Amino acid sequence: MIDVVLLRTLIVQRHKSVRRFSEVCQISDRQLCKILAGQVLPSLASLQLITHHLCLSQHEFHQIFLPHIPMRMGPDLSKNNV
């Protein structure tokens, strides 16, 4: 599941309203509302548009769309690969 609260917060902070954001990124109001209500997951195309038009950093993207998956910052050095 995605973090819809954070997504909505960033949309309002950066675009003033959900309706304005849907016009800018050309996702229908209906589809965007379903995403923000947690009813559907965004399609790959919608995901790309949302990421681009919100100028999401990698960290923000991870917080919103992958909230339950730990973020790896580099190679796992705890294992010996011999």
PDB file of N, CA and C in Angstrom:
ATOM      1  N   MET A   1       0.836  -1.181   0.000  1.00  0.00           N
ATOM      2  CA  MET A   1       0.000   0.000   0.000  1.00  0.00           C
ATOM      3  C   MET A   1       0.881   1.244   0.000  1.00  0.00           C
ATOM      4  N   ILE A   2       0.391   2.299  -0.611  1.00  0.00           N
ATOM      5  CA  ILE A   2       1.174   3.529  -0.674  1.00  0.00           C
ATOM      6  C   ILE A   2       0.776   4.461   0.472  1.00  0.00           C
ATOM      7  N   ASP A   3       1.660   5.394   0.782  1.00  0.00           N
ATOM      8  CA  ASP A   3       1.392   6.380   1.834  1.00  0.00           C
ATOM      9  C   ASP A   3       0.599   7.531   1.209  1.00  0.00           C
ATOM     10  N   VAL A   4      -0.723   7.391   1.212  1.00  0.00           N
ATOM     11  CA  VAL A   4      -1.577   8.383   0.558  1.00  0.00           C
ATOM     12  C   VAL A   4      -1.583   9.716   1.297  1.00  0.00           C
ATOM     13  N   VAL A   5      -1.369   9.697   2.590  1.00  0.00           N
ATOM     14  CA  VAL A   5      -1.342  10.944   3.366  1.00  0.00           C
ATOM     15  C   VAL A   5      -0.145  11.796   2.939  1.00  0.00           C
ATOM     16  N   LEU A   6       1.018  11.182   2.839  1.00  0.00           N
ATOM     17  CA  LEU A   6       2.209  11.920   2.406  1.00  0.00           C
ATOM     18  C   LEU A   6       2.063  12.384   0.960  1.00  0.00           C
ATOM     19  N   LEU A   7       1.528  11.529   0.102  1.00  0.00           N
ATOM     20  CA  LEU A   7       1.333  11.912  -1.299  1.00  0.00           C
ATOM     21  C   LEU A   7       0.406  13.120  -1.399  1.00  0.00           C
ATOM     22  N   ARG A   8      -0.715  13.090  -0.710  1.00  0.00           N
ATOM     23  CA  ARG A   8      -1.662  14.215  -0.736  1.00  0.00           C
ATOM     24  C   ARG A   8      -1.010  15.483  -0.174  1.00  0.00           C
ATOM     25  N   THR A   9      -0.251  15.340   0.902  1.00  0.00           N
ATOM     26  CA  THR A   9       0.427  16.486   1.515  1.00  0.00           C
ATOM     27  C   THR A   9       1.384  17.142   0.528  1.00  0.00           C
ATOM     28  N   LEU A  10       2.189  16.337  -0.164  1.00  0.00           N
ATOM     29  CA  LEU A  10       3.141  16.890  -1.130  1.00  0.00           C
ATOM     30  C   LEU A  10       2.429  17.530  -2.318  1.00  0.00           C
ATOM     31  N   ILE A  11       1.339  16.921  -2.766  1.00  0.00           N
ATOM     32  CA  ILE A  11       0.570  17.509  -3.873  1.00  0.00           C
ATOM     33  C   ILE A  11       0.059  18.890  -3.481  1.00  0.00           C
ATOM     34  N   VAL A  12      -0.533  19.007  -2.306  1.00  0.00           N
ATOM     35  CA  VAL A  12      -1.091  20.290  -1.860  1.00  0.00           C
ATOM     36  C   VAL A  12       0.020  21.311  -1.611  1.00  0.00           C
ATOM     37  N   GLN A  13       1.145  20.876  -1.031  1.00  0.00           N
ATOM     38  CA  GLN A  13       2.259  21.799  -0.780  1.00  0.00           C
ATOM     39  C   GLN A  13       2.838  22.341  -2.080  1.00  0.00           C
ATOM     40  N   ARG A  14       2.982  21.481  -3.069  1.00  0.00           N
ATOM     41  CA  ARG A  14       3.690  21.872  -4.288  1.00  0.00           C
ATOM     42  C   ARG A  14       2.784  22.381  -5.404  1.00  0.00           C
ATOM     43  N   HIS A  15       1.494  22.052  -5.362  1.00  0.00           N
ATOM     44  CA  HIS A  15       0.590  22.457  -6.444  1.00  0.00           C
ATOM     45  C   HIS A  15      -0.685  23.131  -5.951  1.00  0.00           C
ATOM     46  N   LYS A  16      -0.806  23.363  -4.655  1.00  0.00           N
ATOM     47  CA  LYS A  16      -1.916  24.089  -4.022  1.00  0.00           C
ATOM     48  C   LYS A  16      -3.226  23.305  -3.946  1.00  0.00           C
ATOM     49  N   SER A  17      -3.501  22.403  -4.901  1.00  0.00           N
ATOM     50  CA  SER A  17      -4.732  21.603  -4.822  1.00  0.00           C
ATOM     51  C   SER A  17      -4.585  20.323  -5.644  1.00  0.00           C
ATOM     52  N   VAL A  18      -5.391  19.341  -5.295  1.00  0.00           N
ATOM     53  CA  VAL A  18      -5.383  18.072  -6.023  1.00  0.00           C
ATOM     54  C   VAL A  18      -5.887  18.296  -7.446  1.00  0.00           C
ATOM     55  N   ARG A  19      -6.911  19.127  -7.593  1.00  0.00           N
ATOM     56  CA  ARG A  19      -7.467  19.394  -8.933  1.00  0.00           C
ATOM     57  C   ARG A  19      -6.425  20.039  -9.846  1.00  0.00           C
ATOM     58  N   ARG A  20      -5.697  21.016  -9.328  1.00  0.00           N
ATOM     59  CA  ARG A  20      -4.659  21.677 -10.132  1.00  0.00           C
ATOM     60  C   ARG A  20      -3.582  20.670 -10.523  1.00  0.00           C
ATOM     61  N   PHE A  21      -3.199  19.821  -9.581  1.00  0.00           N
ATOM     62  CA  PHE A  21      -2.183  18.811  -9.869  1.00  0.00           C
ATOM     63  C   PHE A  21      -2.668  17.845 -10.947  1.00  0.00           C
ATOM     64  N   SER A  22      -3.918  17.428 -10.881  1.00  0.00           N
ATOM     65  CA  SER A  22      -4.433  16.488 -11.885  1.00  0.00           C
ATOM     66  C   SER A  22      -4.420  17.122 -13.274  1.00  0.00           C
ATOM     67  N   GLU A  23      -4.665  18.425 -13.349  1.00  0.00           N
ATOM     68  CA  GLU A  23      -4.606  19.129 -14.634  1.00  0.00           C
ATOM     69  C   GLU A  23      -3.178  19.201 -15.152  1.00  0.00           C
ATOM     70  N   VAL A  24      -2.241  19.492 -14.269  1.00  0.00           N
ATOM     71  CA  VAL A  24      -0.835  19.611 -14.663  1.00  0.00           C
ATOM     72  C   VAL A  24      -0.281  18.279 -15.154  1.00  0.00           C
ATOM     73  N   CYS A  25      -0.549  17.219 -14.411  1.00  0.00           N
ATOM     74  CA  CYS A  25       0.055  15.934 -14.776  1.00  0.00           C
ATOM     75  C   CYS A  25      -0.845  15.102 -15.685  1.00  0.00           C
ATOM     76  N   GLN A  26      -2.020  15.628 -16.042  1.00  0.00           N
ATOM     77  CA  GLN A  26      -2.939  14.990 -16.983  1.00  0.00           C
ATOM     78  C   GLN A  26      -3.391  13.598 -16.543  1.00  0.00           C
ATOM     79  N   ILE A  27      -3.666  13.474 -15.248  1.00  0.00           N
ATOM     80  CA  ILE A  27      -4.316  12.286 -14.704  1.00  0.00           C
ATOM     81  C   ILE A  27      -5.724  12.740 -14.340  1.00  0.00           C
ATOM     82  N   SER A  28      -6.730  11.970 -14.704  1.00  0.00           N
ATOM     83  CA  SER A  28      -8.106  12.394 -14.429  1.00  0.00           C
ATOM     84  C   SER A  28      -8.320  12.583 -12.927  1.00  0.00           C
ATOM     85  N   ASP A  29      -9.189  13.537 -12.596  1.00  0.00           N
ATOM     86  CA  ASP A  29      -9.541  13.772 -11.185  1.00  0.00           C
ATOM     87  C   ASP A  29     -10.013  12.481 -10.536  1.00  0.00           C
ATOM     88  N   ARG A  30     -10.839  11.756 -11.263  1.00  0.00           N
ATOM     89  CA  ARG A  30     -11.414  10.516 -10.730  1.00  0.00           C
ATOM     90  C   ARG A  30     -10.326   9.497 -10.395  1.00  0.00           C
ATOM     91  N   GLN A  31      -9.386   9.311 -11.331  1.00  0.00           N
ATOM     92  CA  GLN A  31      -8.306   8.344 -11.110  1.00  0.00           C
ATOM     93  C   GLN A  31      -7.410   8.792  -9.959  1.00  0.00           C
ATOM     94  N   LEU A  32      -7.067  10.072  -9.919  1.00  0.00           N
ATOM     95  CA  LEU A  32      -6.213  10.587  -8.854  1.00  0.00           C
ATOM     96  C   LEU A  32      -6.902  10.459  -7.495  1.00  0.00           C
ATOM     97  N   CYS A  33      -8.194  10.722  -7.446  1.00  0.00           N
ATOM     98  CA  CYS A  33      -8.936  10.576  -6.182  1.00  0.00           C
ATOM     99  C   CYS A  33      -8.955   9.123  -5.721  1.00  0.00           C
ATOM    100  N   LYS A  34      -9.075   8.183  -6.661  1.00  0.00           N
ATOM    101  CA  LYS A  34      -9.041   6.761  -6.300  1.00  0.00           C
ATOM    102  C   LYS A  34      -7.671   6.381  -5.739  1.00  0.00           C
ATOM    103  N   ILE A  35      -6.617   6.920  -6.345  1.00  0.00           N
ATOM    104  CA  ILE A  35      -5.255   6.655  -5.856  1.00  0.00           C
ATOM    105  C   ILE A  35      -5.102   7.228  -4.450  1.00  0.00           C
ATOM    106  N   LEU A  36      -5.552   8.476  -4.258  1.00  0.00           N
ATOM    107  CA  LEU A  36      -5.413   9.139  -2.960  1.00  0.00           C
ATOM    108  C   LEU A  36      -6.313   8.541  -1.885  1.00  0.00           C
ATOM    109  N   ALA A  37      -7.360   7.848  -2.300  1.00  0.00           N
ATOM    110  CA  ALA A  37      -8.239   7.174  -1.338  1.00  0.00           C
ATOM    111  C   ALA A  37      -7.716   5.780  -1.002  1.00  0.00           C
ATOM    112  N   GLY A  38      -6.657   5.363  -1.700  1.00  0.00           N
ATOM    113  CA  GLY A  38      -6.099   4.036  -1.457  1.00  0.00           C
ATOM    114  C   GLY A  38      -6.914   2.925  -2.089  1.00  0.00           C
ATOM    115  N   GLN A  39      -7.807   3.272  -3.022  1.00  0.00           N
ATOM    116  CA  GLN A  39      -8.657   2.271  -3.667  1.00  0.00           C
ATOM    117  C   GLN A  39      -7.935   1.527  -4.780  1.00  0.00           C
ATOM    118  N   VAL A  40      -7.033   2.211  -5.464  1.00  0.00           N
ATOM    119  CA  VAL A  40      -6.273   1.591  -6.554  1.00  0.00           C
ATOM    120  C   VAL A  40      -4.814   2.018  -6.450  1.00  0.00           C
ATOM    121  N   LEU A  41      -3.947   1.197  -7.000  1.00  0.00           N
ATOM    122  CA  LEU A  41      -2.541   1.568  -7.112  1.00  0.00           C
ATOM    123  C   LEU A  41      -2.351   2.297  -8.435  1.00  0.00           C
ATOM    124  N   PRO A  42      -1.436   3.247  -8.497  1.00  0.00           N
ATOM    125  CA  PRO A  42      -1.221   3.956  -9.755  1.00  0.00           C
ATOM    126  C   PRO A  42      -0.605   3.029 -10.801  1.00  0.00           C
ATOM    127  N   SER A  43      -0.988   3.243 -12.050  1.00  0.00           N
ATOM    128  CA  SER A  43      -0.364   2.512 -13.150  1.00  0.00           C
ATOM    129  C   SER A  43       1.073   3.007 -13.285  1.00  0.00           C
ATOM    130  N   LEU A  44       1.860   2.315 -14.075  1.00  0.00           N
ATOM    131  CA  LEU A  44       3.248   2.744 -14.281  1.00  0.00           C
ATOM    132  C   LEU A  44       3.288   4.138 -14.897  1.00  0.00           C
ATOM    133  N   ALA A  45       2.406   4.393 -15.860  1.00  0.00           N
ATOM    134  CA  ALA A  45       2.366   5.716 -16.493  1.00  0.00           C
ATOM    135  C   ALA A  45       1.998   6.796 -15.473  1.00  0.00           C
ATOM    136  N   SER A  46       0.999   6.518 -14.643  1.00  0.00           N
ATOM    137  CA  SER A  46       0.600   7.484 -13.605  1.00  0.00           C
ATOM    138  C   SER A  46       1.718   7.698 -12.603  1.00  0.00           C
ATOM    139  N   LEU A  47       2.383   6.625 -12.244  1.00  0.00           N
ATOM    140  CA  LEU A  47       3.500   6.697 -11.303  1.00  0.00           C
ATOM    141  C   LEU A  47       4.599   7.605 -11.845  1.00  0.00           C
ATOM    142  N   GLN A  48       4.906   7.458 -13.129  1.00  0.00           N
ATOM    143  CA  GLN A  48       5.933   8.294 -13.753  1.00  0.00           C
ATOM    144  C   GLN A  48       5.504   9.759 -13.787  1.00  0.00           C
ATOM    145  N   LEU A  49       4.238  10.011 -14.123  1.00  0.00           N
ATOM    146  CA  LEU A  49       3.739  11.389 -14.160  1.00  0.00           C
ATOM    147  C   LEU A  49       3.749  12.027 -12.775  1.00  0.00           C
ATOM    148  N   ILE A  50       3.300  11.288 -11.788  1.00  0.00           N
ATOM    149  CA  ILE A  50       3.280  11.804 -10.414  1.00  0.00           C
ATOM    150  C   ILE A  50       4.693  12.122  -9.948  1.00  0.00           C
ATOM    151  N   THR A  51       5.612  11.195 -10.176  1.00  0.00           N
ATOM    152  CA  THR A  51       7.005  11.387  -9.766  1.00  0.00           C
ATOM    153  C   THR A  51       7.615  12.605 -10.449  1.00  0.00           C
ATOM    154  N   HIS A  52       7.381  12.728 -11.750  1.00  0.00           N
ATOM    155  CA  HIS A  52       7.947  13.837 -12.520  1.00  0.00           C
ATOM    156  C   HIS A  52       7.362  15.186 -12.089  1.00  0.00           C
ATOM    157  N   HIS A  53       6.044  15.274 -12.009  1.00  0.00           N
ATOM    158  CA  HIS A  53       5.407  16.566 -11.735  1.00  0.00           C
ATOM    159  C   HIS A  53       5.495  16.994 -10.277  1.00  0.00           C
ATOM    160  N   LEU A  54       5.759  16.060  -9.378  1.00  0.00           N
ATOM    161  CA  LEU A  54       5.995  16.440  -7.981  1.00  0.00           C
ATOM    162  C   LEU A  54       7.482  16.636  -7.705  1.00  0.00           C
ATOM    163  N   CYS A  55       8.328  16.329  -8.706  1.00  0.00           N
ATOM    164  CA  CYS A  55       9.787  16.418  -8.536  1.00  0.00           C
ATOM    165  C   CYS A  55      10.216  15.643  -7.287  1.00  0.00           C
ATOM    166  N   LEU A  56       9.750  14.406  -7.179  1.00  0.00           N
ATOM    167  CA  LEU A  56      10.051  13.599  -5.997  1.00  0.00           C
ATOM    168  C   LEU A  56      11.513  13.191  -5.962  1.00  0.00           C
ATOM    169  N   SER A  57      12.111  13.322  -4.807  1.00  0.00           N
ATOM    170  CA  SER A  57      13.457  12.792  -4.602  1.00  0.00           C
ATOM    171  C   SER A  57      13.331  11.276  -4.459  1.00  0.00           C
ATOM    172  N   GLN A  58      14.450  10.590  -4.522  1.00  0.00           N
ATOM    173  CA  GLN A  58      14.434   9.137  -4.355  1.00  0.00           C
ATOM    174  C   GLN A  58      13.869   8.777  -2.978  1.00  0.00           C
ATOM    175  N   HIS A  59      14.243   9.544  -1.977  1.00  0.00           N
ATOM    176  CA  HIS A  59      13.769   9.286  -0.615  1.00  0.00           C
ATOM    177  C   HIS A  59      12.249   9.472  -0.516  1.00  0.00           C
ATOM    178  N   GLU A  60      11.732  10.564  -1.089  1.00  0.00           N
ATOM    179  CA  GLU A  60      10.289  10.806  -1.061  1.00  0.00           C
ATOM    180  C   GLU A  60       9.536   9.714  -1.810  1.00  0.00           C
ATOM    181  N   PHE A  61      10.064   9.324  -2.974  1.00  0.00           N
ATOM    182  CA  PHE A  61       9.439   8.252  -3.754  1.00  0.00           C
ATOM    183  C   PHE A  61       9.344   6.980  -2.924  1.00  0.00           C
ATOM    184  N   HIS A  62      10.446   6.652  -2.273  1.00  0.00           N
ATOM    185  CA  HIS A  62      10.489   5.440  -1.455  1.00  0.00           C
ATOM    186  C   HIS A  62       9.495   5.530  -0.301  1.00  0.00           C
ATOM    187  N   GLN A  63       9.427   6.682   0.358  1.00  0.00           N
ATOM    188  CA  GLN A  63       8.498   6.864   1.484  1.00  0.00           C
ATOM    189  C   GLN A  63       7.042   6.698   1.053  1.00  0.00           C
ATOM    190  N   ILE A  64       6.718   7.184  -0.133  1.00  0.00           N
ATOM    191  CA  ILE A  64       5.329   7.145  -0.598  1.00  0.00           C
ATOM    192  C   ILE A  64       4.952   5.784  -1.171  1.00  0.00           C
ATOM    193  N   PHE A  65       5.754   5.306  -2.103  1.00  0.00           N
ATOM    194  CA  PHE A  65       5.349   4.139  -2.879  1.00  0.00           C
ATOM    195  C   PHE A  65       5.904   2.815  -2.375  1.00  0.00           C
ATOM    196  N   LEU A  66       6.911   2.850  -1.530  1.00  0.00           N
ATOM    197  CA  LEU A  66       7.499   1.612  -1.006  1.00  0.00           C
ATOM    198  C   LEU A  66       7.676   1.714   0.505  1.00  0.00           C
ATOM    199  N   PRO A  67       6.638   2.099   1.240  1.00  0.00           N
ATOM    200  CA  PRO A  67       6.821   2.402   2.661  1.00  0.00           C
ATOM    201  C   PRO A  67       7.200   1.213   3.540  1.00  0.00           C
ATOM    202  N   HIS A  68       6.922   0.001   3.101  1.00  0.00           N
ATOM    203  CA  HIS A  68       7.186  -1.158   3.951  1.00  0.00           C
ATOM    204  C   HIS A  68       8.440  -1.918   3.543  1.00  0.00           C
ATOM    205  N   ILE A  69       9.143  -1.424   2.525  1.00  0.00           N
ATOM    206  CA  ILE A  69      10.346  -2.101   2.046  1.00  0.00           C
ATOM    207  C   ILE A  69      11.558  -1.303   2.516  1.00  0.00           C
ATOM    208  N   PRO A  70      12.474  -1.920   3.280  1.00  0.00           N
ATOM    209  CA  PRO A  70      13.656  -1.185   3.742  1.00  0.00           C
ATOM    210  C   PRO A  70      14.502  -0.707   2.558  1.00  0.00           C
ATOM    211  N   MET A  71      14.968   0.526   2.645  1.00  0.00           N
ATOM    212  CA  MET A  71      15.776   1.096   1.569  1.00  0.00           C
ATOM    213  C   MET A  71      17.231   0.716   1.761  1.00  0.00           C
ATOM    214  N   ARG A  72      17.822   0.127   0.734  1.00  0.00           N
ATOM    215  CA  ARG A  72      19.238  -0.244   0.794  1.00  0.00           C
ATOM    216  C   ARG A  72      20.071   0.907   0.248  1.00  0.00           C
ATOM    217  N   MET A  73      21.076   1.262   0.983  1.00  0.00           N
ATOM    218  CA  MET A  73      21.908   2.386   0.583  1.00  0.00           C
ATOM    219  C   MET A  73      23.165   1.955  -0.161  1.00  0.00           C
ATOM    220  N   GLY A  74      23.450   0.695  -0.191  1.00  0.00           N
ATOM    221  CA  GLY A  74      24.651   0.224  -0.866  1.00  0.00           C
ATOM    222  C   GLY A  74      24.731  -1.281  -0.776  1.00  0.00           C
ATOM    223  N   PRO A  75      25.862  -1.831  -1.168  1.00  0.00           N
ATOM    224  CA  PRO A  75      25.997  -3.286  -1.125  1.00  0.00           C
ATOM    225  C   PRO A  75      25.954  -3.808   0.303  1.00  0.00           C
ATOM    226  N   ASP A  76      25.459  -5.018   0.451  1.00  0.00           N
ATOM    227  CA  ASP A  76      25.387  -5.654   1.764  1.00  0.00           C
ATOM    228  C   ASP A  76      26.766  -6.207   2.101  1.00  0.00           C
ATOM    229  N   LEU A  77      27.461  -5.531   2.986  1.00  0.00           N
ATOM    230  CA  LEU A  77      28.825  -5.926   3.336  1.00  0.00           C
ATOM    231  C   LEU A  77      28.861  -6.885   4.515  1.00  0.00           C
ATOM    232  N   SER A  78      27.694  -7.249   5.018  1.00  0.00           N
ATOM    233  CA  SER A  78      27.666  -8.145   6.172  1.00  0.00           C
ATOM    234  C   SER A  78      27.888  -9.599   5.778  1.00  0.00           C
ATOM    235  N   LYS A  79      27.791  -9.888   4.489  1.00  0.00           N
ATOM    236  CA  LYS A  79      27.984 -11.263   4.020  1.00  0.00           C
ATOM    237  C   LYS A  79      29.324 -11.371   3.316  1.00  0.00           C
ATOM    238  N   ASN A  80      30.003 -12.444   3.565  1.00  0.00           N
ATOM    239  CA  ASN A  80      31.269 -12.689   2.876  1.00  0.00           C
ATOM    240  C   ASN A  80      30.982 -13.451   1.593  1.00  0.00           C
ATOM    241  N   ASN A  81      31.293 -12.860   0.486  1.00  0.00           N
ATOM    242  CA  ASN A  81      31.078 -13.507  -0.809  1.00  0.00           C
ATOM    243  C   ASN A  81      32.380 -14.137  -1.277  1.00  0.00           C
ATOM    244  N   VAL A  82      32.664 -15.327  -0.764  1.00  0.00           N
ATOM    245  CA  VAL A  82      33.921 -16.004  -1.101  1.00  0.00           C
ATOM    246  C   VAL A  82      33.659 -17.072  -2.109  1.00  0.00           C
TER     247      VAL A  82
END
